[in-house]
């Protein structure tokens, strides 16, 4: 796997002849096989951070690196899952998951092995020949996640992947992602507006301040999760009832309120 590093990153946008600073002096490290969530007020630059890690945008100052290499463009070592499912509507589930493997030149036998493995992990067995319009939103997002994992990327970048789902489906997908993250850990940078989602999923949470976005505080969740044995619970509601979870959630909310994050949900 690999780490992600943001070193003194600044991002300046120019619009209508004016400049505004979206990110200022951002330093973040996502360690090898660590799941880090970024939360913060709307407009604080969360998605900009992810896009820079993906190579879709570039910092105005500072560096973003993956595995100690400065990110200059998108690459197969990084897979991105967006809020919009971004599936090819004319391709079957199997063909959608296979698409990136074909682009990478993976041979047919290895493609089949990987696809069957991740289709099984994501509960998609039996839907191989279905088309996206025949699937629910949650099932479509399962396909998008399988399509990312099947590439065996060093880094997984997830930009509010459950934001478009209804509340019940979102909970199911959070539970599925936790299960997948424990079985097949990856270095993950996860962007979300939902505080409970961040606390439930992440090893650490980076709380951003309002514009210009800076790192307000980094919260260690993994130590608490392991000490309190959250993973012994199969259901998210049982985890969220734990006093330690409630305490962490309240702490993150306080930081967001202090940062002007009242528009968060």
C-alpha atoms as a PDB file:
ATOM      1  CA  UNK A   1       0.000   0.000   0.000  1.00  0.00           C
ATOM      2  CA  UNK A   2       1.059   3.626   0.285  1.00  0.00           C
ATOM      3  CA  UNK A   3       0.691   6.787   2.314  1.00  0.00           C
ATOM      4  CA  UNK A   4      -0.773  10.139   1.232  1.00  0.00           C
ATOM      5  CA  UNK A   5       0.873  13.375   2.314  1.00  0.00           C
ATOM      6  CA  UNK A   6      -0.238  16.991   2.035  1.00  0.00           C
ATOM      7  CA  UNK A   7       2.701  19.249   2.909  1.00  0.00           C
ATOM      8  CA  UNK A   8       1.875  22.927   3.517  1.00  0.00           C
ATOM      9  CA  UNK A   9      -0.668  22.872   0.722  1.00  0.00           C
ATOM     10  CA  UNK A  10      -2.349  26.036  -0.461  1.00  0.00           C
ATOM     11  CA  UNK A  11      -4.976  26.253  -3.169  1.00  0.00           C
ATOM     12  CA  UNK A  12      -5.897  29.600  -4.699  1.00  0.00           C
ATOM     13  CA  UNK A  13      -8.745  29.968  -7.178  1.00  0.00           C
ATOM     14  CA  UNK A  14      -9.148  32.840  -9.590  1.00  0.00           C
ATOM     15  CA  UNK A  15     -12.596  33.941 -10.676  1.00  0.00           C
ATOM     16  CA  UNK A  16     -13.715  37.116 -12.441  1.00  0.00           C
ATOM     17  CA  UNK A  17     -10.301  38.636 -11.995  1.00  0.00           C
ATOM     18  CA  UNK A  18     -10.256  38.016  -8.236  1.00  0.00           C
ATOM     19  CA  UNK A  19      -8.437  35.471  -6.102  1.00  0.00           C
ATOM     20  CA  UNK A  20      -9.719  33.582  -3.109  1.00  0.00           C
ATOM     21  CA  UNK A  21      -7.836  31.132  -0.940  1.00  0.00           C
ATOM     22  CA  UNK A  22      -9.647  27.802  -0.586  1.00  0.00           C
ATOM     23  CA  UNK A  23      -6.924  25.953   1.351  1.00  0.00           C
ATOM     24  CA  UNK A  24      -4.099  27.380   3.417  1.00  0.00           C
ATOM     25  CA  UNK A  25      -1.097  25.610   4.990  1.00  0.00           C
ATOM     26  CA  UNK A  26      -2.767  22.191   5.002  1.00  0.00           C
ATOM     27  CA  UNK A  27      -0.556  19.382   6.263  1.00  0.00           C
ATOM     28  CA  UNK A  28      -2.141  15.944   6.516  1.00  0.00           C
ATOM     29  CA  UNK A  29      -0.754  12.415   6.455  1.00  0.00           C
ATOM     30  CA  UNK A  30      -2.796   9.326   5.703  1.00  0.00           C
ATOM     31  CA  UNK A  31      -0.648   6.386   6.753  1.00  0.00           C
ATOM     32  CA  UNK A  32      -0.320   3.063   4.975  1.00  0.00           C
ATOM     33  CA  UNK A  33      -3.634   1.116   5.168  1.00  0.00           C
ATOM     34  CA  UNK A  34      -5.219   3.848   7.286  1.00  0.00           C
ATOM     35  CA  UNK A  35      -8.786   5.105   6.833  1.00  0.00           C
ATOM     36  CA  UNK A  36      -8.892   8.898   7.288  1.00  0.00           C
ATOM     37  CA  UNK A  37     -12.068  10.964   7.002  1.00  0.00           C
ATOM     38  CA  UNK A  38     -12.116  14.712   6.388  1.00  0.00           C
ATOM     39  CA  UNK A  39     -15.050  16.744   7.707  1.00  0.00           C
ATOM     40  CA  UNK A  40     -15.584  20.476   7.777  1.00  0.00           C
ATOM     41  CA  UNK A  41     -17.914  23.345   6.905  1.00  0.00           C
ATOM     42  CA  UNK A  42     -19.221  23.613   3.356  1.00  0.00           C
ATOM     43  CA  UNK A  43     -16.643  25.276   1.133  1.00  0.00           C
ATOM     44  CA  UNK A  44     -13.657  24.464   3.358  1.00  0.00           C
ATOM     45  CA  UNK A  45     -11.843  22.568   0.588  1.00  0.00           C
ATOM     46  CA  UNK A  46     -12.519  18.917   1.514  1.00  0.00           C
ATOM     47  CA  UNK A  47     -13.224  17.804  -2.050  1.00  0.00           C
ATOM     48  CA  UNK A  48     -10.358  19.945  -3.343  1.00  0.00           C
ATOM     49  CA  UNK A  49      -8.006  17.926  -1.127  1.00  0.00           C
ATOM     50  CA  UNK A  50      -9.313  14.688  -2.595  1.00  0.00           C
ATOM     51  CA  UNK A  51      -9.100  15.965  -6.161  1.00  0.00           C
ATOM     52  CA  UNK A  52      -5.477  16.974  -5.605  1.00  0.00           C
ATOM     53  CA  UNK A  53      -4.672  13.506  -4.246  1.00  0.00           C
ATOM     54  CA  UNK A  54      -6.328  12.068  -7.354  1.00  0.00           C
ATOM     55  CA  UNK A  55      -4.271  14.316  -9.637  1.00  0.00           C
ATOM     56  CA  UNK A  56      -7.362  16.098 -10.952  1.00  0.00           C
ATOM     57  CA  UNK A  57      -6.240  19.438  -9.473  1.00  0.00           C
ATOM     58  CA  UNK A  58      -2.888  20.799  -8.359  1.00  0.00           C
ATOM     59  CA  UNK A  59      -1.855  22.868  -5.330  1.00  0.00           C
ATOM     60  CA  UNK A  60      -0.929  26.496  -5.783  1.00  0.00           C
ATOM     61  CA  UNK A  61       1.804  25.963  -3.194  1.00  0.00           C
ATOM     62  CA  UNK A  62       3.097  22.967  -1.258  1.00  0.00           C
ATOM     63  CA  UNK A  63       3.016  19.356  -2.417  1.00  0.00           C
ATOM     64  CA  UNK A  64       0.686  16.381  -2.449  1.00  0.00           C
ATOM     65  CA  UNK A  65       2.407  13.001  -2.652  1.00  0.00           C
ATOM     66  CA  UNK A  66       1.435   9.340  -2.710  1.00  0.00           C
ATOM     67  CA  UNK A  67       4.029   6.760  -1.743  1.00  0.00           C
ATOM     68  CA  UNK A  68       6.581   9.605  -1.567  1.00  0.00           C
ATOM     69  CA  UNK A  69       5.991  10.528  -5.215  1.00  0.00           C
ATOM     70  CA  UNK A  70       4.559  13.974  -5.972  1.00  0.00           C
ATOM     71  CA  UNK A  71       1.126  13.651  -7.567  1.00  0.00           C
ATOM     72  CA  UNK A  72       1.101  15.262 -11.003  1.00  0.00           C
ATOM     73  CA  UNK A  73      -1.701  13.406 -12.800  1.00  0.00           C
ATOM     74  CA  UNK A  74      -4.270  10.631 -12.245  1.00  0.00           C
ATOM     75  CA  UNK A  75      -2.853   7.120 -12.084  1.00  0.00           C
ATOM     76  CA  UNK A  76      -3.861   3.478 -11.586  1.00  0.00           C
ATOM     77  CA  UNK A  77      -2.401   3.499  -8.059  1.00  0.00           C
ATOM     78  CA  UNK A  78      -5.387   5.675  -7.004  1.00  0.00           C
ATOM     79  CA  UNK A  79      -9.036   4.755  -7.470  1.00  0.00           C
ATOM     80  CA  UNK A  80     -11.815   7.311  -6.949  1.00  0.00           C
ATOM     81  CA  UNK A  81     -15.415   6.710  -5.858  1.00  0.00           C
ATOM     82  CA  UNK A  82     -17.662   9.750  -6.288  1.00  0.00           C
ATOM     83  CA  UNK A  83     -21.106  10.556  -4.891  1.00  0.00           C
ATOM     84  CA  UNK A  84     -22.516  10.130  -8.404  1.00  0.00           C
ATOM     85  CA  UNK A  85     -22.213   6.455  -9.236  1.00  0.00           C
ATOM     86  CA  UNK A  86     -20.667   7.238 -12.667  1.00  0.00           C
ATOM     87  CA  UNK A  87     -21.459   3.803 -14.104  1.00  0.00           C
ATOM     88  CA  UNK A  88     -21.686   3.219 -17.835  1.00  0.00           C
ATOM     89  CA  UNK A  89     -25.453   2.818 -18.352  1.00  0.00           C
ATOM     90  CA  UNK A  90     -25.025   0.710 -21.507  1.00  0.00           C
ATOM     91  CA  UNK A  91     -22.724  -1.818 -19.786  1.00  0.00           C
ATOM     92  CA  UNK A  92     -23.694  -4.657 -17.462  1.00  0.00           C
ATOM     93  CA  UNK A  93     -22.525  -4.827 -13.858  1.00  0.00           C
ATOM     94  CA  UNK A  94     -19.782  -7.269 -14.870  1.00  0.00           C
ATOM     95  CA  UNK A  95     -18.643  -5.080 -17.754  1.00  0.00           C
ATOM     96  CA  UNK A  96     -18.601  -1.968 -15.555  1.00  0.00           C
ATOM     97  CA  UNK A  97     -16.391  -3.671 -12.980  1.00  0.00           C
ATOM     98  CA  UNK A  98     -14.179  -5.160 -15.711  1.00  0.00           C
ATOM     99  CA  UNK A  99     -13.655  -1.919 -17.641  1.00  0.00           C
ATOM    100  CA  UNK A 100     -10.649  -0.623 -15.712  1.00  0.00           C
ATOM    101  CA  UNK A 101      -8.953  -4.015 -15.730  1.00  0.00           C
ATOM    102  CA  UNK A 102      -9.163  -4.170 -19.511  1.00  0.00           C
ATOM    103  CA  UNK A 103      -7.686  -0.660 -19.721  1.00  0.00           C
ATOM    104  CA  UNK A 104      -4.762  -1.845 -17.561  1.00  0.00           C
ATOM    105  CA  UNK A 105      -4.179  -4.872 -19.787  1.00  0.00           C
ATOM    106  CA  UNK A 106      -4.977  -7.487 -17.126  1.00  0.00           C
ATOM    107  CA  UNK A 107      -5.375 -10.937 -18.700  1.00  0.00           C
ATOM    108  CA  UNK A 108      -8.806 -12.574 -18.917  1.00  0.00           C
ATOM    109  CA  UNK A 109      -8.200 -15.215 -16.254  1.00  0.00           C
ATOM    110  CA  UNK A 110      -6.990 -12.711 -13.685  1.00  0.00           C
ATOM    111  CA  UNK A 111      -9.859 -10.365 -14.547  1.00  0.00           C
ATOM    112  CA  UNK A 112     -12.382 -13.112 -13.853  1.00  0.00           C
ATOM    113  CA  UNK A 113     -10.721 -14.064 -10.567  1.00  0.00           C
ATOM    114  CA  UNK A 114     -10.685 -10.495  -9.278  1.00  0.00           C
ATOM    115  CA  UNK A 115     -14.210  -9.661 -10.432  1.00  0.00           C
ATOM    116  CA  UNK A 116     -15.725 -12.777  -8.891  1.00  0.00           C
ATOM    117  CA  UNK A 117     -13.903 -12.061  -5.628  1.00  0.00           C
ATOM    118  CA  UNK A 118     -15.124  -8.471  -5.267  1.00  0.00           C
ATOM    119  CA  UNK A 119     -18.586  -9.172  -6.625  1.00  0.00           C
ATOM    120  CA  UNK A 120     -18.896 -11.706  -3.831  1.00  0.00           C
ATOM    121  CA  UNK A 121     -17.543  -9.334  -1.182  1.00  0.00           C
ATOM    122  CA  UNK A 122     -19.971  -6.598  -2.245  1.00  0.00           C
ATOM    123  CA  UNK A 123     -23.016  -8.881  -2.417  1.00  0.00           C
ATOM    124  CA  UNK A 124     -23.341  -8.554  -6.193  1.00  0.00           C
ATOM    125  CA  UNK A 125     -23.251 -12.235  -7.109  1.00  0.00           C
ATOM    126  CA  UNK A 126     -26.255 -12.953  -9.317  1.00  0.00           C
ATOM    127  CA  UNK A 127     -26.376  -9.401 -10.703  1.00  0.00           C
ATOM    128  CA  UNK A 128     -23.513  -9.805 -13.174  1.00  0.00           C
ATOM    129  CA  UNK A 129     -25.696  -9.301 -16.266  1.00  0.00           C
ATOM    130  CA  UNK A 130     -27.948  -6.602 -14.841  1.00  0.00           C
ATOM    131  CA  UNK A 131     -27.727  -3.034 -16.145  1.00  0.00           C
ATOM    132  CA  UNK A 132     -27.359  -0.029 -13.811  1.00  0.00           C
ATOM    133  CA  UNK A 133     -30.947   1.164 -14.388  1.00  0.00           C
ATOM    134  CA  UNK A 134     -32.163  -2.179 -13.051  1.00  0.00           C
ATOM    135  CA  UNK A 135     -30.412  -1.666  -9.708  1.00  0.00           C
ATOM    136  CA  UNK A 136     -31.230   0.407  -6.643  1.00  0.00           C
ATOM    137  CA  UNK A 137     -28.978   3.318  -5.675  1.00  0.00           C
ATOM    138  CA  UNK A 138     -27.291   1.244  -3.003  1.00  0.00           C
ATOM    139  CA  UNK A 139     -26.597  -1.584  -5.420  1.00  0.00           C
ATOM    140  CA  UNK A 140     -25.184   0.850  -7.976  1.00  0.00           C
ATOM    141  CA  UNK A 141     -22.815   2.220  -5.368  1.00  0.00           C
ATOM    142  CA  UNK A 142     -21.757  -1.340  -4.519  1.00  0.00           C
ATOM    143  CA  UNK A 143     -20.806  -1.702  -8.190  1.00  0.00           C
ATOM    144  CA  UNK A 144     -18.823   1.554  -8.060  1.00  0.00           C
ATOM    145  CA  UNK A 145     -16.936   0.386  -4.964  1.00  0.00           C
ATOM    146  CA  UNK A 146     -16.262  -3.044  -6.480  1.00  0.00           C
ATOM    147  CA  UNK A 147     -14.990  -1.318  -9.637  1.00  0.00           C
ATOM    148  CA  UNK A 148     -12.527   0.658  -7.512  1.00  0.00           C
ATOM    149  CA  UNK A 149     -11.317  -2.244  -5.352  1.00  0.00           C
ATOM    150  CA  UNK A 150     -10.915  -4.644  -8.272  1.00  0.00           C
ATOM    151  CA  UNK A 151      -8.094  -2.474  -9.635  1.00  0.00           C
ATOM    152  CA  UNK A 152      -6.097  -3.317  -6.489  1.00  0.00           C
ATOM    153  CA  UNK A 153      -5.166   0.348  -5.997  1.00  0.00           C
ATOM    154  CA  UNK A 154      -2.690   1.524  -3.410  1.00  0.00           C
ATOM    155  CA  UNK A 155      -5.050   4.343  -2.462  1.00  0.00           C
ATOM    156  CA  UNK A 156      -8.838   4.634  -2.428  1.00  0.00           C
ATOM    157  CA  UNK A 157     -10.287   8.156  -2.627  1.00  0.00           C
ATOM    158  CA  UNK A 158     -13.976   8.442  -1.709  1.00  0.00           C
ATOM    159  CA  UNK A 159     -15.876  11.717  -2.124  1.00  0.00           C
ATOM    160  CA  UNK A 160     -19.152  11.509  -0.177  1.00  0.00           C
ATOM    161  CA  UNK A 161     -19.903   8.134  -1.781  1.00  0.00           C
ATOM    162  CA  UNK A 162     -23.103   7.609   0.225  1.00  0.00           C
ATOM    163  CA  UNK A 163     -24.391  11.178   0.056  1.00  0.00           C
ATOM    164  CA  UNK A 164     -27.022  10.439  -2.609  1.00  0.00           C
ATOM    165  CA  UNK A 165     -28.481   7.417  -0.805  1.00  0.00           C
ATOM    166  CA  UNK A 166     -31.535   7.291   1.432  1.00  0.00           C
ATOM    167  CA  UNK A 167     -30.892   6.994   5.172  1.00  0.00           C
ATOM    168  CA  UNK A 168     -31.536   3.254   5.453  1.00  0.00           C
ATOM    169  CA  UNK A 169     -29.428   2.337   2.422  1.00  0.00           C
ATOM    170  CA  UNK A 170     -26.675   4.633   3.648  1.00  0.00           C
ATOM    171  CA  UNK A 171     -26.464   2.738   6.948  1.00  0.00           C
ATOM    172  CA  UNK A 172     -26.279  -0.589   5.114  1.00  0.00           C
ATOM    173  CA  UNK A 173     -23.483   0.714   2.885  1.00  0.00           C
ATOM    174  CA  UNK A 174     -21.557   2.065   5.879  1.00  0.00           C
ATOM    175  CA  UNK A 175     -21.726  -1.362   7.509  1.00  0.00           C
ATOM    176  CA  UNK A 176     -20.593  -2.976   4.245  1.00  0.00           C
ATOM    177  CA  UNK A 177     -17.668  -0.578   3.903  1.00  0.00           C
ATOM    178  CA  UNK A 178     -16.529  -1.272   7.471  1.00  0.00           C
ATOM    179  CA  UNK A 179     -16.657  -5.005   6.775  1.00  0.00           C
ATOM    180  CA  UNK A 180     -14.724  -4.573   3.517  1.00  0.00           C
ATOM    181  CA  UNK A 181     -12.173  -2.258   5.134  1.00  0.00           C
ATOM    182  CA  UNK A 182     -11.452  -4.837   7.852  1.00  0.00           C
ATOM    183  CA  UNK A 183     -11.204  -7.743   5.396  1.00  0.00           C
ATOM    184  CA  UNK A 184      -9.241  -5.928   2.695  1.00  0.00           C
ATOM    185  CA  UNK A 185      -7.634  -2.800   4.140  1.00  0.00           C
ATOM    186  CA  UNK A 186      -6.576   0.004   1.841  1.00  0.00           C
ATOM    187  CA  UNK A 187      -5.181   3.473   2.345  1.00  0.00           C
ATOM    188  CA  UNK A 188      -8.423   5.471   2.244  1.00  0.00           C
ATOM    189  CA  UNK A 189      -9.143   9.203   2.139  1.00  0.00           C
ATOM    190  CA  UNK A 190     -12.862   9.681   2.728  1.00  0.00           C
ATOM    191  CA  UNK A 191     -14.745  12.974   2.386  1.00  0.00           C
ATOM    192  CA  UNK A 192     -18.069  13.366   4.174  1.00  0.00           C
ATOM    193  CA  UNK A 193     -20.479  15.910   5.622  1.00  0.00           C
ATOM    194  CA  UNK A 194     -21.912  13.370   8.075  1.00  0.00           C
ATOM    195  CA  UNK A 195     -20.244  13.388  11.493  1.00  0.00           C
ATOM    196  CA  UNK A 196     -21.609   9.995  12.607  1.00  0.00           C
ATOM    197  CA  UNK A 197     -20.394   8.453   9.357  1.00  0.00           C
ATOM    198  CA  UNK A 198     -16.873   9.794   9.932  1.00  0.00           C
ATOM    199  CA  UNK A 199     -16.722   8.527  13.520  1.00  0.00           C
ATOM    200  CA  UNK A 200     -18.078   5.107  12.541  1.00  0.00           C
ATOM    201  CA  UNK A 201     -15.794   4.539   9.548  1.00  0.00           C
ATOM    202  CA  UNK A 202     -12.500   6.300  10.169  1.00  0.00           C
ATOM    203  CA  UNK A 203      -9.304   5.477  12.014  1.00  0.00           C
ATOM    204  CA  UNK A 204      -8.665   9.214  12.289  1.00  0.00           C
ATOM    205  CA  UNK A 205     -10.787  12.274  11.518  1.00  0.00           C
ATOM    206  CA  UNK A 206      -9.354  15.514  10.158  1.00  0.00           C
ATOM    207  CA  UNK A 207     -11.607  18.422  11.136  1.00  0.00           C
ATOM    208  CA  UNK A 208     -11.186  21.402   8.826  1.00  0.00           C
ATOM    209  CA  UNK A 209     -11.904  25.035   9.639  1.00  0.00           C
ATOM    210  CA  UNK A 210     -13.969  27.366   7.465  1.00  0.00           C
ATOM    211  CA  UNK A 211     -12.551  29.085   4.386  1.00  0.00           C
ATOM    212  CA  UNK A 212      -9.706  29.289   3.953  1.00  0.00           C
ATOM    213  CA  UNK A 213      -9.631  25.638   4.919  1.00  0.00           C
ATOM    214  CA  UNK A 214      -6.978  24.664   7.416  1.00  0.00           C
ATOM    215  CA  UNK A 215      -6.564  21.663   9.697  1.00  0.00           C
ATOM    216  CA  UNK A 216      -8.319  22.447  12.948  1.00  0.00           C
ATOM    217  CA  UNK A 217      -7.774  19.161  14.775  1.00  0.00           C
ATOM    218  CA  UNK A 218      -6.980  15.523  14.040  1.00  0.00           C
ATOM    219  CA  UNK A 219      -8.906  13.010  16.163  1.00  0.00           C
ATOM    220  CA  UNK A 220      -7.753   9.459  16.834  1.00  0.00           C
ATOM    221  CA  UNK A 221     -10.779   7.159  16.595  1.00  0.00           C
ATOM    222  CA  UNK A 222      -9.022   3.814  16.097  1.00  0.00           C
ATOM    223  CA  UNK A 223      -7.511   3.743  19.584  1.00  0.00           C
ATOM    224  CA  UNK A 224     -10.945   4.286  21.144  1.00  0.00           C
ATOM    225  CA  UNK A 225     -12.634   1.816  18.768  1.00  0.00           C
ATOM    226  CA  UNK A 226     -10.184  -0.938  19.610  1.00  0.00           C
ATOM    227  CA  UNK A 227     -10.185  -0.250  23.346  1.00  0.00           C
ATOM    228  CA  UNK A 228     -13.991  -0.271  23.469  1.00  0.00           C
ATOM    229  CA  UNK A 229     -14.266  -3.184  20.988  1.00  0.00           C
ATOM    230  CA  UNK A 230     -16.767  -1.494  18.671  1.00  0.00           C
ATOM    231  CA  UNK A 231     -16.186  -4.156  16.029  1.00  0.00           C
ATOM    232  CA  UNK A 232     -17.813  -6.823  18.176  1.00  0.00           C
ATOM    233  CA  UNK A 233     -21.124  -5.187  17.228  1.00  0.00           C
ATOM    234  CA  UNK A 234     -22.629  -6.119  13.871  1.00  0.00           C
ATOM    235  CA  UNK A 235     -25.030  -3.180  13.624  1.00  0.00           C
ATOM    236  CA  UNK A 236     -24.159   0.478  13.350  1.00  0.00           C
ATOM    237  CA  UNK A 237     -26.852   1.512  15.832  1.00  0.00           C
ATOM    238  CA  UNK A 238     -25.228  -0.653  18.520  1.00  0.00           C
ATOM    239  CA  UNK A 239     -21.906   1.079  17.935  1.00  0.00           C
ATOM    240  CA  UNK A 240     -23.519   4.511  18.020  1.00  0.00           C
ATOM    241  CA  UNK A 241     -25.035   3.737  21.418  1.00  0.00           C
ATOM    242  CA  UNK A 242     -21.600   3.310  22.973  1.00  0.00           C
ATOM    243  CA  UNK A 243     -20.671   6.183  25.352  1.00  0.00           C
ATOM    244  CA  UNK A 244     -17.262   6.502  23.692  1.00  0.00           C
ATOM    245  CA  UNK A 245     -18.916   6.939  20.286  1.00  0.00           C
ATOM    246  CA  UNK A 246     -21.304   9.559  21.643  1.00  0.00           C
ATOM    247  CA  UNK A 247     -18.386  11.439  23.221  1.00  0.00           C
ATOM    248  CA  UNK A 248     -16.361  11.489  19.996  1.00  0.00           C
ATOM    249  CA  UNK A 249     -19.379  12.544  17.934  1.00  0.00           C
ATOM    250  CA  UNK A 250     -20.098  15.412  20.336  1.00  0.00           C
ATOM    251  CA  UNK A 251     -16.456  16.501  20.251  1.00  0.00           C
ATOM    252  CA  UNK A 252     -16.408  16.634  16.443  1.00  0.00           C
ATOM    253  CA  UNK A 253     -19.674  18.588  16.393  1.00  0.00           C
ATOM    254  CA  UNK A 254     -18.280  21.131  18.854  1.00  0.00           C
ATOM    255  CA  UNK A 255     -15.225  21.630  16.666  1.00  0.00           C
ATOM    256  CA  UNK A 256     -17.441  22.120  13.611  1.00  0.00           C
ATOM    257  CA  UNK A 257     -19.685  24.627  15.374  1.00  0.00           C
ATOM    258  CA  UNK A 258     -16.626  26.567  16.482  1.00  0.00           C
ATOM    259  CA  UNK A 259     -15.409  26.468  12.869  1.00  0.00           C
ATOM    260  CA  UNK A 260     -18.706  27.808  11.550  1.00  0.00           C
ATOM    261  CA  UNK A 261     -20.015  24.422  10.464  1.00  0.00           C
ATOM    262  CA  UNK A 262     -23.643  24.934  11.374  1.00  0.00           C
ATOM    263  CA  UNK A 263     -24.774  24.009   7.844  1.00  0.00           C
ATOM    264  CA  UNK A 264     -23.493  20.464   8.228  1.00  0.00           C
ATOM    265  CA  UNK A 265     -25.890  17.562   8.669  1.00  0.00           C
END
